[in-house]
Amino acid sequence: MNELYFNPNESRKGYNLTIFVDNKDSWITPWAVKIRNIIKSFHNVNLCFDKNDIITGDIAFLLGCTKMLSNKYLKKNKLNLVVHESRLPKGRGWSPMAWQILEGINEIPVVLFKAEKKLDEGPIFLQDTIHLNGTELLPEIREKQGLKTVEIVLKFLEKWPDLKVKKQEGEPTYYPKRTYADDQLDVNKTITENFNHLRIVDNNLYPAWFDFQGNKYLLKIYKTSGD
């Protein structure tokens, strides 16, 4: 689906929607704005960054959230949906995209699922895949991740309520929240061995770092073109 293509069924217009991002400075914010701009002619859209601004309505899309919403806020909408980059129930938790790239995975599953009281346990509405080639750095990874988020949200709005809901099946696994320590490089590894680690660091917010002979160093990485 083209990121700008949206073809709502006439009978599916007029939802009261919230798009919620819990950090206005998040990388996902421009993509949330893009979704709002595409669908605002067809639905009533509330884009907000404070949970207290979530309005009572039909559907809330919770994008890039760093904290779980309590039931107090989930109850404001009939349906609360989350985009998550793993094949649930495998890979529940935090930063699943980064953890899978570290594992050398280039075909990243993406699901749209119902947010419930417990972490990432809700039924799945849609599934897709982000295709990586193994050379992308974080800006390119986020471009693909953001575009896929737009696509899966638009697809849901085009097809809902005629979607089959799939219950999560299998033994769950969990990814922890990434911390400063997770950005440390092993100086005894080659650049090739460290490359997937370098792909997922943010040069400004959480750059790669390493210790060497009692000193701490930051390492930033950029992709160039040409000779």
C-alpha atoms as a PDB file:
ATOM      1  CA  MET A   1       0.000   0.000   0.000  1.00  0.00           C
ATOM      2  CA  ASN A   2       1.264   3.443  -0.846  1.00  0.00           C
ATOM      3  CA  GLU A   3       1.686   5.496   2.325  1.00  0.00           C
ATOM      4  CA  LEU A   4      -0.640   8.213   1.025  1.00  0.00           C
ATOM      5  CA  TYR A   5      -3.345   5.904  -0.306  1.00  0.00           C
ATOM      6  CA  PHE A   6      -6.490   5.675   1.776  1.00  0.00           C
ATOM      7  CA  ASN A   7      -9.799   4.424   0.443  1.00  0.00           C
ATOM      8  CA  PRO A   8     -12.357   4.320   3.271  1.00  0.00           C
ATOM      9  CA  ASN A   9     -15.652   2.586   2.730  1.00  0.00           C
ATOM     10  CA  GLU A  10     -18.520   5.090   2.865  1.00  0.00           C
ATOM     11  CA  SER A  11     -20.102   3.107   5.702  1.00  0.00           C
ATOM     12  CA  ARG A  12     -16.898   3.287   7.742  1.00  0.00           C
ATOM     13  CA  LYS A  13     -16.490   7.037   7.945  1.00  0.00           C
ATOM     14  CA  GLY A  14     -17.000   9.177  11.002  1.00  0.00           C
ATOM     15  CA  TYR A  15     -15.173   7.291  13.748  1.00  0.00           C
ATOM     16  CA  ASN A  16     -14.063   9.248  16.793  1.00  0.00           C
ATOM     17  CA  LEU A  17     -10.360   8.423  16.870  1.00  0.00           C
ATOM     18  CA  THR A  18      -7.438   9.211  19.135  1.00  0.00           C
ATOM     19  CA  ILE A  19      -3.816   8.902  18.069  1.00  0.00           C
ATOM     20  CA  PHE A  20      -1.728   8.890  21.242  1.00  0.00           C
ATOM     21  CA  VAL A  21       2.063   9.238  21.501  1.00  0.00           C
ATOM     22  CA  ASP A  22       3.331   9.564  25.076  1.00  0.00           C
ATOM     23  CA  ASN A  23       6.416  11.583  24.114  1.00  0.00           C
ATOM     24  CA  LYS A  24       5.954  14.528  21.752  1.00  0.00           C
ATOM     25  CA  ASP A  25       9.655  14.413  20.848  1.00  0.00           C
ATOM     26  CA  SER A  26       9.448  10.766  19.791  1.00  0.00           C
ATOM     27  CA  TRP A  27      10.680   9.755  16.341  1.00  0.00           C
ATOM     28  CA  ILE A  28       7.168   8.369  15.675  1.00  0.00           C
ATOM     29  CA  THR A  29       5.488  11.785  16.074  1.00  0.00           C
ATOM     30  CA  PRO A  30       5.880  12.883  12.401  1.00  0.00           C
ATOM     31  CA  TRP A  31       4.312   9.580  11.348  1.00  0.00           C
ATOM     32  CA  ALA A  32       1.437  10.076  13.785  1.00  0.00           C
ATOM     33  CA  VAL A  33       0.910  13.523  12.262  1.00  0.00           C
ATOM     34  CA  LYS A  34       0.963  11.961   8.786  1.00  0.00           C
ATOM     35  CA  ILE A  35      -1.755   9.494   9.777  1.00  0.00           C
ATOM     36  CA  ARG A  36      -3.855  12.302  11.240  1.00  0.00           C
ATOM     37  CA  ASN A  37      -3.503  14.380   8.082  1.00  0.00           C
ATOM     38  CA  ILE A  38      -4.472  11.480   5.809  1.00  0.00           C
ATOM     39  CA  ILE A  39      -7.599  10.447   7.715  1.00  0.00           C
ATOM     40  CA  LYS A  40      -8.890  13.739   9.145  1.00  0.00           C
ATOM     41  CA  SER A  41     -11.230  14.302   6.187  1.00  0.00           C
ATOM     42  CA  PHE A  42     -12.965  11.003   6.949  1.00  0.00           C
ATOM     43  CA  HIS A  43     -12.872  10.725  10.745  1.00  0.00           C
ATOM     44  CA  ASN A  44     -12.827  12.909  13.839  1.00  0.00           C
ATOM     45  CA  VAL A  45      -9.188  12.693  14.924  1.00  0.00           C
ATOM     46  CA  ASN A  46      -7.647  13.701  18.241  1.00  0.00           C
ATOM     47  CA  LEU A  47      -3.827  13.625  18.169  1.00  0.00           C
ATOM     48  CA  CYS A  48      -2.450  13.975  21.690  1.00  0.00           C
ATOM     49  CA  PHE A  49       0.716  13.521  23.722  1.00  0.00           C
ATOM     50  CA  ASP A  50      -0.709  13.579  27.253  1.00  0.00           C
ATOM     51  CA  LYS A  51      -2.810  10.646  28.433  1.00  0.00           C
ATOM     52  CA  ASN A  52      -5.197  13.078  30.101  1.00  0.00           C
ATOM     53  CA  ASP A  53      -6.057  14.414  26.642  1.00  0.00           C
ATOM     54  CA  ILE A  54      -7.320  11.044  25.410  1.00  0.00           C
ATOM     55  CA  ILE A  55     -10.999  11.558  24.643  1.00  0.00           C
ATOM     56  CA  THR A  56     -13.921   9.170  24.872  1.00  0.00           C
ATOM     57  CA  GLY A  57     -14.410   7.621  21.455  1.00  0.00           C
ATOM     58  CA  ASP A  58     -14.351   4.587  19.208  1.00  0.00           C
ATOM     59  CA  ILE A  59     -10.702   3.698  18.628  1.00  0.00           C
ATOM     60  CA  ALA A  60      -7.370   4.827  20.056  1.00  0.00           C
ATOM     61  CA  PHE A  61      -4.078   4.096  18.302  1.00  0.00           C
ATOM     62  CA  LEU A  62      -1.250   3.989  20.846  1.00  0.00           C
ATOM     63  CA  LEU A  63       1.943   4.618  18.884  1.00  0.00           C
ATOM     64  CA  GLY A  64       5.507   4.413  20.149  1.00  0.00           C
ATOM     65  CA  CYS A  65       4.429   4.468  23.779  1.00  0.00           C
ATOM     66  CA  THR A  66       7.145   4.018  26.394  1.00  0.00           C
ATOM     67  CA  LYS A  67       4.740   3.261  29.243  1.00  0.00           C
ATOM     68  CA  MET A  68       1.638   1.140  29.601  1.00  0.00           C
ATOM     69  CA  LEU A  69      -1.698   2.906  29.888  1.00  0.00           C
ATOM     70  CA  SER A  70      -3.819   2.092  32.918  1.00  0.00           C
ATOM     71  CA  ASN A  71      -7.331   0.759  32.531  1.00  0.00           C
ATOM     72  CA  LYS A  72      -8.646   4.220  33.434  1.00  0.00           C
ATOM     73  CA  TYR A  73      -7.468   5.491  30.053  1.00  0.00           C
ATOM     74  CA  LEU A  74      -8.070   2.309  28.068  1.00  0.00           C
ATOM     75  CA  LYS A  75     -11.749   2.456  29.049  1.00  0.00           C
ATOM     76  CA  LYS A  76     -12.166   5.776  27.245  1.00  0.00           C
ATOM     77  CA  ASN A  77     -12.273   4.028  23.869  1.00  0.00           C
ATOM     78  CA  LYS A  78     -14.104   0.950  22.674  1.00  0.00           C
ATOM     79  CA  LEU A  79     -10.892  -0.348  21.128  1.00  0.00           C
ATOM     80  CA  ASN A  80      -7.240   0.460  21.847  1.00  0.00           C
ATOM     81  CA  LEU A  81      -4.682  -0.651  19.262  1.00  0.00           C
ATOM     82  CA  VAL A  82      -0.893  -0.943  19.336  1.00  0.00           C
ATOM     83  CA  VAL A  83       1.623  -1.485  16.526  1.00  0.00           C
ATOM     84  CA  HIS A  84       4.315  -3.918  17.676  1.00  0.00           C
ATOM     85  CA  GLU A  85       7.299  -5.260  15.749  1.00  0.00           C
ATOM     86  CA  SER A  86       7.420  -8.942  16.648  1.00  0.00           C
ATOM     87  CA  ARG A  87       5.541 -12.158  16.026  1.00  0.00           C
ATOM     88  CA  LEU A  88       3.481 -12.103  19.209  1.00  0.00           C
ATOM     89  CA  PRO A  89       3.475 -13.773  21.655  1.00  0.00           C
ATOM     90  CA  LYS A  90       7.185 -14.012  20.866  1.00  0.00           C
ATOM     91  CA  GLY A  91       8.975 -10.742  21.553  1.00  0.00           C
ATOM     92  CA  ARG A  92       6.580  -9.063  23.913  1.00  0.00           C
ATOM     93  CA  GLY A  93       8.014  -6.092  25.755  1.00  0.00           C
ATOM     94  CA  TRP A  94      10.207  -3.200  24.747  1.00  0.00           C
ATOM     95  CA  SER A  95      12.226  -2.197  21.668  1.00  0.00           C
ATOM     96  CA  PRO A  96      11.484  -5.434  19.789  1.00  0.00           C
ATOM     97  CA  MET A  97      12.848  -3.993  16.531  1.00  0.00           C
ATOM     98  CA  ALA A  98      16.242  -3.246  18.075  1.00  0.00           C
ATOM     99  CA  TRP A  99      16.533  -6.588  19.832  1.00  0.00           C
ATOM    100  CA  GLN A 100      15.712  -8.524  16.653  1.00  0.00           C
ATOM    101  CA  ILE A 101      18.218  -6.549  14.584  1.00  0.00           C
ATOM    102  CA  LEU A 102      20.835  -7.429  17.201  1.00  0.00           C
ATOM    103  CA  GLU A 103      19.860 -11.056  16.633  1.00  0.00           C
ATOM    104  CA  GLY A 104      20.584 -10.637  12.920  1.00  0.00           C
ATOM    105  CA  ILE A 105      16.943 -10.762  11.816  1.00  0.00           C
ATOM    106  CA  ASN A 106      16.080  -8.801   8.663  1.00  0.00           C
ATOM    107  CA  GLU A 107      12.451  -9.875   8.200  1.00  0.00           C
ATOM    108  CA  ILE A 108      10.740  -8.127  11.103  1.00  0.00           C
ATOM    109  CA  PRO A 109       7.106  -9.090  11.801  1.00  0.00           C
ATOM    110  CA  VAL A 110       4.677  -6.250  12.541  1.00  0.00           C
ATOM    111  CA  VAL A 111       1.325  -6.752  14.240  1.00  0.00           C
ATOM    112  CA  LEU A 112      -1.590  -4.510  15.131  1.00  0.00           C
ATOM    113  CA  PHE A 113      -3.089  -5.830  18.344  1.00  0.00           C
ATOM    114  CA  LYS A 114      -5.566  -4.861  21.034  1.00  0.00           C
ATOM    115  CA  ALA A 115      -4.055  -3.227  24.119  1.00  0.00           C
ATOM    116  CA  GLU A 116      -5.200  -4.855  27.334  1.00  0.00           C
ATOM    117  CA  LYS A 117      -4.303  -4.648  31.025  1.00  0.00           C
ATOM    118  CA  LYS A 118      -1.318  -6.993  30.713  1.00  0.00           C
ATOM    119  CA  LEU A 119       1.688  -6.243  28.521  1.00  0.00           C
ATOM    120  CA  ASP A 120       1.221  -7.142  24.838  1.00  0.00           C
ATOM    121  CA  GLU A 121      -1.304  -9.923  25.479  1.00  0.00           C
ATOM    122  CA  GLY A 122      -4.219  -8.772  23.326  1.00  0.00           C
ATOM    123  CA  PRO A 123      -5.587 -10.419  20.180  1.00  0.00           C
ATOM    124  CA  ILE A 124      -4.111  -9.562  16.780  1.00  0.00           C
ATOM    125  CA  PHE A 125      -6.040  -7.741  14.035  1.00  0.00           C
ATOM    126  CA  LEU A 126      -3.409  -7.411  11.292  1.00  0.00           C
ATOM    127  CA  GLN A 127       0.063  -8.717  10.491  1.00  0.00           C
ATOM    128  CA  ASP A 128       2.734  -7.500   8.081  1.00  0.00           C
ATOM    129  CA  THR A 129       6.510  -7.501   7.663  1.00  0.00           C
ATOM    130  CA  ILE A 130       9.283  -4.911   7.548  1.00  0.00           C
ATOM    131  CA  HIS A 131      11.980  -5.999   5.101  1.00  0.00           C
ATOM    132  CA  LEU A 132      15.555  -4.968   5.904  1.00  0.00           C
ATOM    133  CA  ASN A 133      18.695  -5.718   3.908  1.00  0.00           C
ATOM    134  CA  GLY A 134      21.120  -5.583   6.820  1.00  0.00           C
ATOM    135  CA  THR A 135      22.847  -2.330   5.867  1.00  0.00           C
ATOM    136  CA  GLU A 136      20.347   0.226   7.184  1.00  0.00           C
ATOM    137  CA  LEU A 137      21.275   2.509  10.048  1.00  0.00           C
ATOM    138  CA  LEU A 138      18.727   3.873  12.505  1.00  0.00           C
ATOM    139  CA  PRO A 139      17.320   6.699  10.308  1.00  0.00           C
ATOM    140  CA  GLU A 140      16.556   4.243   7.500  1.00  0.00           C
ATOM    141  CA  ILE A 141      15.202   1.663   9.935  1.00  0.00           C
ATOM    142  CA  ARG A 142      12.837   4.224  11.418  1.00  0.00           C
ATOM    143  CA  GLU A 143      11.748   5.334   7.954  1.00  0.00           C
ATOM    144  CA  LYS A 144      10.660   1.787   7.163  1.00  0.00           C
ATOM    145  CA  GLN A 145       9.138   1.321  10.598  1.00  0.00           C
ATOM    146  CA  GLY A 146       7.206   4.584  10.388  1.00  0.00           C
ATOM    147  CA  LEU A 147       5.912   3.869   6.889  1.00  0.00           C
ATOM    148  CA  LYS A 148       4.743   0.416   7.939  1.00  0.00           C
ATOM    149  CA  THR A 149       2.963   1.961  10.926  1.00  0.00           C
ATOM    150  CA  VAL A 150       1.075   4.304   8.588  1.00  0.00           C
ATOM    151  CA  GLU A 151       0.203   1.449   6.249  1.00  0.00           C
ATOM    152  CA  ILE A 152      -1.122  -0.889   8.930  1.00  0.00           C
ATOM    153  CA  VAL A 153      -3.248   1.827  10.571  1.00  0.00           C
ATOM    154  CA  LEU A 154      -4.770   2.843   7.221  1.00  0.00           C
ATOM    155  CA  LYS A 155      -5.403  -0.775   6.317  1.00  0.00           C
ATOM    156  CA  PHE A 156      -7.217  -1.311   9.600  1.00  0.00           C
ATOM    157  CA  LEU A 157      -9.450   1.718   9.041  1.00  0.00           C
ATOM    158  CA  GLU A 158     -10.254   0.557   5.506  1.00  0.00           C
ATOM    159  CA  LYS A 159     -11.255  -2.944   6.600  1.00  0.00           C
ATOM    160  CA  TRP A 160     -12.655  -2.597  10.109  1.00  0.00           C
ATOM    161  CA  PRO A 161     -15.000  -4.088  11.308  1.00  0.00           C
ATOM    162  CA  ASP A 162     -14.647  -6.834   8.671  1.00  0.00           C
ATOM    163  CA  LEU A 163     -11.425  -8.209  10.147  1.00  0.00           C
ATOM    164  CA  LYS A 164     -10.849 -11.600  11.717  1.00  0.00           C
ATOM    165  CA  VAL A 165      -9.260 -11.344  15.134  1.00  0.00           C
ATOM    166  CA  LYS A 166      -6.533 -13.866  15.922  1.00  0.00           C
ATOM    167  CA  LYS A 167      -5.758 -14.944  19.453  1.00  0.00           C
ATOM    168  CA  GLN A 168      -2.069 -15.080  20.356  1.00  0.00           C
ATOM    169  CA  GLU A 169      -0.859 -18.669  20.449  1.00  0.00           C
ATOM    170  CA  GLY A 170       2.305 -20.218  21.820  1.00  0.00           C
ATOM    171  CA  GLU A 171       4.739 -19.608  24.638  1.00  0.00           C
ATOM    172  CA  PRO A 172       5.504 -15.902  25.132  1.00  0.00           C
ATOM    173  CA  THR A 173       8.986 -14.415  25.308  1.00  0.00           C
ATOM    174  CA  TYR A 174       9.844 -10.951  26.548  1.00  0.00           C
ATOM    175  CA  TYR A 175      12.335  -8.249  25.611  1.00  0.00           C
ATOM    176  CA  PRO A 176      13.484  -5.943  28.439  1.00  0.00           C
ATOM    177  CA  LYS A 177      13.735  -2.181  28.195  1.00  0.00           C
ATOM    178  CA  ARG A 178      17.058  -1.136  26.719  1.00  0.00           C
ATOM    179  CA  THR A 179      19.356   0.835  28.997  1.00  0.00           C
ATOM    180  CA  TYR A 180      22.594   2.788  28.739  1.00  0.00           C
ATOM    181  CA  ALA A 181      24.533  -0.408  29.404  1.00  0.00           C
ATOM    182  CA  ASP A 182      22.980  -2.027  26.329  1.00  0.00           C
ATOM    183  CA  ASP A 183      24.709   0.529  24.087  1.00  0.00           C
ATOM    184  CA  GLN A 184      28.189  -0.573  25.158  1.00  0.00           C
ATOM    185  CA  LEU A 185      30.291  -2.126  22.402  1.00  0.00           C
ATOM    186  CA  ASP A 186      32.616  -5.061  22.947  1.00  0.00           C
ATOM    187  CA  VAL A 187      36.056  -3.810  21.872  1.00  0.00           C
ATOM    188  CA  ASN A 188      37.220  -7.384  21.376  1.00  0.00           C
ATOM    189  CA  LYS A 189      34.745  -7.865  18.532  1.00  0.00           C
ATOM    190  CA  THR A 190      35.369  -6.854  14.927  1.00  0.00           C
ATOM    191  CA  ILE A 191      33.460  -4.050  13.202  1.00  0.00           C
ATOM    192  CA  THR A 192      31.510  -6.715  11.339  1.00  0.00           C
ATOM    193  CA  GLU A 193      30.575  -8.399  14.601  1.00  0.00           C
ATOM    194  CA  ASN A 194      29.552  -5.047  16.113  1.00  0.00           C
ATOM    195  CA  PHE A 195      27.731  -3.769  13.037  1.00  0.00           C
ATOM    196  CA  ASN A 196      24.181  -4.759  13.982  1.00  0.00           C
ATOM    197  CA  HIS A 197      24.773  -3.061  17.318  1.00  0.00           C
ATOM    198  CA  LEU A 198      25.898   0.107  15.540  1.00  0.00           C
ATOM    199  CA  ARG A 199      22.800   0.033  13.326  1.00  0.00           C
ATOM    200  CA  ILE A 200      20.399   0.538  16.229  1.00  0.00           C
ATOM    201  CA  VAL A 201      22.108   3.290  18.243  1.00  0.00           C
ATOM    202  CA  ASP A 202      20.955   6.898  18.126  1.00  0.00           C
ATOM    203  CA  ASN A 203      23.941   9.182  17.573  1.00  0.00           C
ATOM    204  CA  ASN A 204      22.334  11.975  19.580  1.00  0.00           C
ATOM    205  CA  LEU A 205      20.215  10.335  22.261  1.00  0.00           C
ATOM    206  CA  TYR A 206      21.980   7.051  22.955  1.00  0.00           C
ATOM    207  CA  PRO A 207      25.234   6.682  20.994  1.00  0.00           C
ATOM    208  CA  ALA A 208      27.376   3.585  21.114  1.00  0.00           C
ATOM    209  CA  TRP A 209      30.173   3.683  23.665  1.00  0.00           C
ATOM    210  CA  PHE A 210      33.053   1.563  24.866  1.00  0.00           C
ATOM    211  CA  ASP A 211      35.703   1.431  27.564  1.00  0.00           C
ATOM    212  CA  PHE A 212      39.363   1.198  26.617  1.00  0.00           C
ATOM    213  CA  GLN A 213      42.332   1.342  28.972  1.00  0.00           C
ATOM    214  CA  GLY A 214      40.357   3.098  31.659  1.00  0.00           C
ATOM    215  CA  ASN A 215      38.762   5.656  29.358  1.00  0.00           C
ATOM    216  CA  LYS A 216      35.225   5.841  28.022  1.00  0.00           C
ATOM    217  CA  TYR A 217      34.612   6.720  24.362  1.00  0.00           C
ATOM    218  CA  LEU A 218      31.502   7.530  22.333  1.00  0.00           C
ATOM    219  CA  LEU A 219      31.234   6.184  18.805  1.00  0.00           C
ATOM    220  CA  LYS A 220      28.847   7.677  16.240  1.00  0.00           C
ATOM    221  CA  ILE A 221      28.113   6.178  12.844  1.00  0.00           C
ATOM    222  CA  TYR A 222      26.853   7.694   9.580  1.00  0.00           C
ATOM    223  CA  LYS A 223      26.244   6.240   6.145  1.00  0.00           C
ATOM    224  CA  THR A 224      27.911   8.042   3.237  1.00  0.00           C
ATOM    225  CA  SER A 225      27.520   7.694  -0.502  1.00  0.00           C
ATOM    226  CA  GLY A 226      30.091   7.840  -3.258  1.00  0.00           C
ATOM    227  CA  ASP A 227      33.845   7.368  -2.998  1.00  0.00           C
END
